[in-house]
Amino acid sequence: AEAVEATRGMALTYGGEVCDARFSKCCGGMSETFGSCWEDAPHPYLEPVADTDASGRCFCDTHDMAVLESVLNGYDRESVDFYRWEVTYGADELAQLLRSRSGFDFGDIMELRPLRRGASGRITRLLVRGTCRSMIVGKELEIRRWLSASHLRSSAFDVERTPEGAFLLRGRGWGHGVGMCQIGAAVMGAEGYSWREILKHYFPKATLERIYE
């Protein structure tokens, strides 16, 4: 309540308009542009930001449970490999998953090839090549939906084939990565950064101003 009262009437603005201040759970080291995730509309205040301090240390690379408990629900803390993560799918498992999630039968999956990436490395166009069909999927949310029974943590991943023929996805971050990184912001707060400094870090082109009393 004190925080709400202390910031009463304050808003992030750009060009005289209140900002569409997006946020995600963990950017993985670099935030993403708006257009990589949604429509190709200009949002200059949602530009890529390196989530690092002056020394190059990444804010959201943390396993400090006190910090994580301040921003994550219990079920979200069951696994803390959000900054860097890995998922492995067997060839048959991936074929079945894609058929179930996309509604298309690709046959045996021959290749997952990133065709385009955003500033943070999140894939925005992915080629899925199978023995029955090939398709390009994007943007990032649809890629995540196709490649998980729920949603893949992010589309910032690299694809490797294991000697057994499985598909190994090595990924970064959790969520779309646009705007404020919740875990990075929590770490900044725990380290003594003010709320003004945190907002300036994630929205460097926005203006913080009082729009009502």
Protein backbone atom coordinates (compact mmCIF):
# COMPACT_ATOMS: atom_id res chain seq x y z
CA ALA A 1 0.00 0.00 0.00
CA GLU A 2 2.87 2.36 0.75
CA ALA A 3 4.37 1.67 -2.67
CA VAL A 4 1.05 2.40 -4.39
CA GLU A 5 0.63 5.64 -2.47
CA ALA A 6 4.23 6.73 -3.10
CA THR A 7 3.84 6.30 -6.88
CA ARG A 8 0.30 7.65 -7.15
CA GLY A 9 -0.28 9.34 -10.50
CA MET A 10 3.10 8.28 -11.94
CA ALA A 11 3.22 6.64 -15.37
CA LEU A 12 5.67 5.71 -18.07
CA THR A 13 4.97 7.74 -21.20
CA TYR A 14 6.36 8.08 -24.68
CA GLY A 15 5.35 10.80 -27.12
CA GLY A 16 2.69 12.02 -24.72
CA GLU A 17 0.97 8.62 -24.47
CA VAL A 18 1.01 6.10 -21.64
CA CYS A 19 3.34 3.23 -22.52
CA ASP A 20 2.22 -0.32 -23.18
CA ALA A 21 4.71 -1.52 -20.57
CA ARG A 22 5.06 -5.23 -21.29
CA PHE A 23 6.94 -7.64 -19.03
CA SER A 24 8.03 -11.27 -19.01
CA LYS A 25 9.34 -13.65 -16.40
CA CYS A 26 12.97 -13.88 -17.49
CA CYS A 27 14.53 -12.28 -20.56
CA GLY A 28 17.53 -14.60 -20.49
CA GLY A 29 20.04 -11.75 -20.74
CA MET A 30 18.53 -9.58 -23.47
CA SER A 31 15.02 -8.21 -23.90
CA GLU A 32 13.15 -8.50 -27.20
CA THR A 33 11.44 -6.05 -29.56
CA PHE A 34 7.64 -5.78 -29.62
CA GLY A 35 7.41 -6.73 -33.30
CA SER A 36 9.17 -10.05 -32.78
CA CYS A 37 6.25 -11.25 -30.70
CA TRP A 38 3.16 -9.35 -31.87
CA GLU A 39 2.15 -7.15 -34.80
CA ASP A 40 4.79 -5.13 -36.65
CA ALA A 41 3.85 -1.88 -34.93
CA PRO A 42 6.44 0.67 -33.75
CA HIS A 43 7.01 0.75 -30.00
CA PRO A 44 10.34 2.60 -29.62
CA TYR A 45 10.29 2.27 -25.83
CA LEU A 46 10.18 -1.53 -26.16
CA GLU A 47 13.67 -1.86 -27.58
CA PRO A 48 16.23 -4.60 -26.84
CA VAL A 49 18.01 -4.02 -23.54
CA ALA A 50 20.97 -5.97 -22.19
CA ASP A 51 19.92 -7.08 -18.72
CA THR A 52 23.35 -6.46 -17.23
CA ASP A 53 25.11 -4.14 -14.80
CA ALA A 54 28.21 -2.08 -15.57
CA SER A 55 30.44 -5.13 -15.09
CA GLY A 56 28.46 -7.22 -17.56
CA ARG A 57 26.84 -9.44 -14.91
CA CYS A 58 23.31 -10.45 -15.88
CA PHE A 59 20.65 -9.52 -13.35
CA CYS A 60 18.28 -12.37 -14.17
CA ASP A 61 20.97 -15.05 -13.80
CA THR A 62 20.13 -15.89 -10.19
CA HIS A 63 19.18 -18.80 -7.95
CA ASP A 64 18.61 -16.62 -4.88
CA MET A 65 15.44 -18.19 -3.48
CA ALA A 66 14.57 -15.13 -1.38
CA VAL A 67 14.46 -13.06 -4.56
CA LEU A 68 12.64 -15.73 -6.57
CA GLU A 69 9.98 -16.12 -3.88
CA SER A 70 9.20 -12.42 -4.25
CA VAL A 71 8.18 -12.77 -7.91
CA LEU A 72 7.33 -16.44 -8.55
CA ASN A 73 4.43 -18.57 -7.32
CA GLY A 74 5.24 -21.87 -5.70
CA TYR A 75 4.59 -23.94 -8.83
CA ASP A 76 6.85 -21.65 -10.85
CA ARG A 77 9.69 -22.36 -8.43
CA GLU A 78 9.52 -26.11 -8.93
CA SER A 79 12.24 -25.62 -11.54
CA VAL A 80 14.66 -22.68 -11.45
CA ASP A 81 16.46 -23.36 -14.74
CA PHE A 82 14.79 -20.38 -16.40
CA TYR A 83 17.93 -18.42 -17.34
CA ARG A 84 19.36 -21.39 -19.25
CA TRP A 85 17.45 -24.59 -19.87
CA GLU A 86 17.37 -27.77 -21.96
CA VAL A 87 14.57 -29.93 -23.35
CA THR A 88 15.12 -33.21 -25.21
CA TYR A 89 12.53 -34.87 -27.44
CA GLY A 90 12.91 -38.29 -28.96
CA ALA A 91 12.18 -38.38 -32.70
CA ASP A 92 8.86 -40.22 -32.27
CA GLU A 93 7.93 -38.04 -29.29
CA LEU A 94 8.52 -34.84 -31.27
CA ALA A 95 6.52 -36.09 -34.26
CA GLN A 96 3.57 -36.93 -32.00
CA LEU A 97 3.85 -33.62 -30.12
CA LEU A 98 3.84 -31.56 -33.31
CA ARG A 99 0.91 -33.52 -34.74
CA SER A 100 -1.06 -32.95 -31.54
CA ARG A 101 -0.20 -29.28 -31.04
CA SER A 102 -0.23 -28.03 -34.64
CA GLY A 103 -2.98 -30.22 -36.07
CA PHE A 104 -0.72 -31.25 -38.98
CA ASP A 105 0.91 -34.59 -39.62
CA PHE A 106 4.56 -33.98 -40.51
CA GLY A 107 5.50 -37.64 -40.52
CA ASP A 108 9.00 -38.23 -39.19
CA ILE A 109 10.66 -34.96 -38.23
CA MET A 110 13.82 -34.41 -40.23
CA GLU A 111 14.73 -30.89 -39.19
CA LEU A 112 13.90 -27.91 -36.97
CA ARG A 113 15.67 -24.96 -38.56
CA PRO A 114 15.55 -21.38 -37.22
CA LEU A 115 15.02 -19.01 -40.16
CA ARG A 116 14.78 -15.68 -38.36
CA ARG A 117 15.60 -14.44 -34.88
CA GLY A 118 14.87 -11.27 -32.94
CA ALA A 119 17.42 -9.16 -31.07
CA SER A 120 17.38 -11.45 -28.03
CA GLY A 121 17.89 -14.58 -30.11
CA ARG A 122 14.25 -15.58 -29.88
CA ILE A 123 13.18 -17.42 -33.02
CA THR A 124 10.41 -15.67 -34.92
CA ARG A 125 10.31 -18.03 -37.92
CA LEU A 126 11.02 -21.76 -37.59
CA LEU A 127 11.06 -24.34 -40.38
CA VAL A 128 9.61 -27.71 -39.39
CA ARG A 129 10.61 -30.27 -42.05
CA GLY A 130 9.11 -33.74 -41.99
CA THR A 131 8.77 -36.68 -44.32
CA CYS A 132 5.12 -35.78 -45.04
CA ARG A 133 5.21 -31.98 -45.09
CA SER A 134 7.25 -28.90 -44.27
CA MET A 135 5.89 -25.70 -42.73
CA ILE A 136 7.18 -22.42 -41.36
CA VAL A 137 5.77 -21.45 -37.96
CA GLY A 138 6.00 -18.09 -36.16
CA LYS A 139 5.92 -15.76 -34.34
CA GLU A 140 7.45 -16.74 -31.04
CA LEU A 141 4.33 -17.71 -29.10
CA GLU A 142 3.16 -20.11 -31.80
CA ILE A 143 6.61 -21.70 -31.90
CA ARG A 144 6.46 -22.21 -28.15
CA ARG A 145 2.95 -23.64 -28.40
CA TRP A 146 3.90 -26.18 -31.05
CA LEU A 147 6.98 -27.40 -29.20
CA SER A 148 5.50 -28.13 -25.79
CA ALA A 149 2.48 -29.79 -24.24
CA SER A 150 1.87 -26.41 -22.54
CA HIS A 151 4.23 -23.68 -23.74
CA LEU A 152 7.98 -23.93 -24.28
CA ARG A 153 9.79 -21.58 -21.91
CA SER A 154 10.92 -19.33 -24.73
CA SER A 155 11.72 -19.42 -28.43
CA ALA A 156 15.35 -18.41 -27.75
CA PHE A 157 16.84 -21.82 -28.35
CA ASP A 158 19.36 -23.68 -30.48
CA VAL A 159 18.64 -27.12 -31.91
CA GLU A 160 21.02 -30.08 -31.79
CA ARG A 161 20.57 -33.69 -32.90
CA THR A 162 21.92 -36.22 -30.44
CA PRO A 163 23.74 -39.39 -31.56
CA GLU A 164 20.50 -41.26 -30.80
CA GLY A 165 18.57 -39.02 -33.19
CA ALA A 166 16.74 -37.02 -30.52
CA PHE A 167 16.23 -33.26 -30.72
CA LEU A 168 17.98 -31.28 -27.98
CA LEU A 169 16.79 -27.70 -27.47
CA ARG A 170 19.16 -25.48 -25.50
CA GLY A 171 17.26 -22.37 -24.48
CA ARG A 172 17.46 -19.01 -22.75
CA GLY A 173 14.87 -17.15 -20.72
CA TRP A 174 11.24 -17.69 -19.83
CA GLY A 175 8.52 -15.87 -21.73
CA HIS A 176 8.44 -13.48 -24.67
CA GLY A 177 11.19 -11.25 -23.26
CA VAL A 178 9.61 -7.89 -24.18
CA GLY A 179 9.89 -4.99 -21.75
CA MET A 180 10.68 -5.56 -18.08
CA CYS A 181 12.31 -8.78 -16.92
CA GLN A 182 10.54 -9.69 -13.67
CA ILE A 183 13.39 -11.71 -12.20
CA GLY A 184 15.98 -9.16 -13.29
CA ALA A 185 13.92 -6.35 -11.75
CA ALA A 186 13.56 -8.30 -8.50
CA VAL A 187 17.34 -8.79 -8.33
CA MET A 188 17.91 -5.08 -9.02
CA GLY A 189 15.51 -4.19 -6.21
CA ALA A 190 17.21 -6.60 -3.81
CA GLU A 191 20.55 -5.00 -4.66
CA GLY A 192 19.31 -1.52 -3.79
CA TYR A 193 18.36 -0.06 -7.16
CA SER A 194 15.42 2.34 -6.91
CA TRP A 195 12.18 1.78 -8.78
CA ARG A 196 13.06 4.75 -10.96
CA GLU A 197 16.41 3.17 -11.87
CA ILE A 198 14.75 -0.16 -12.61
CA LEU A 199 12.19 1.39 -14.94
CA LYS A 200 14.88 3.46 -16.66
CA HIS A 201 16.93 0.30 -17.20
CA TYR A 202 14.12 -1.63 -18.92
CA PHE A 203 12.40 1.29 -20.66
CA PRO A 204 15.28 3.67 -21.47
CA LYS A 205 13.36 5.76 -24.01
CA ALA A 206 10.27 6.21 -21.86
CA THR A 207 9.62 9.19 -19.61
CA LEU A 208 8.44 8.80 -16.02
CA GLU A 209 5.96 11.55 -15.22
CA ARG A 210 2.99 12.35 -13.01
CA ILE A 211 -0.19 12.34 -15.09
CA TYR A 212 -2.67 12.93 -12.26
CA GLU A 213 -2.62 13.96 -8.59
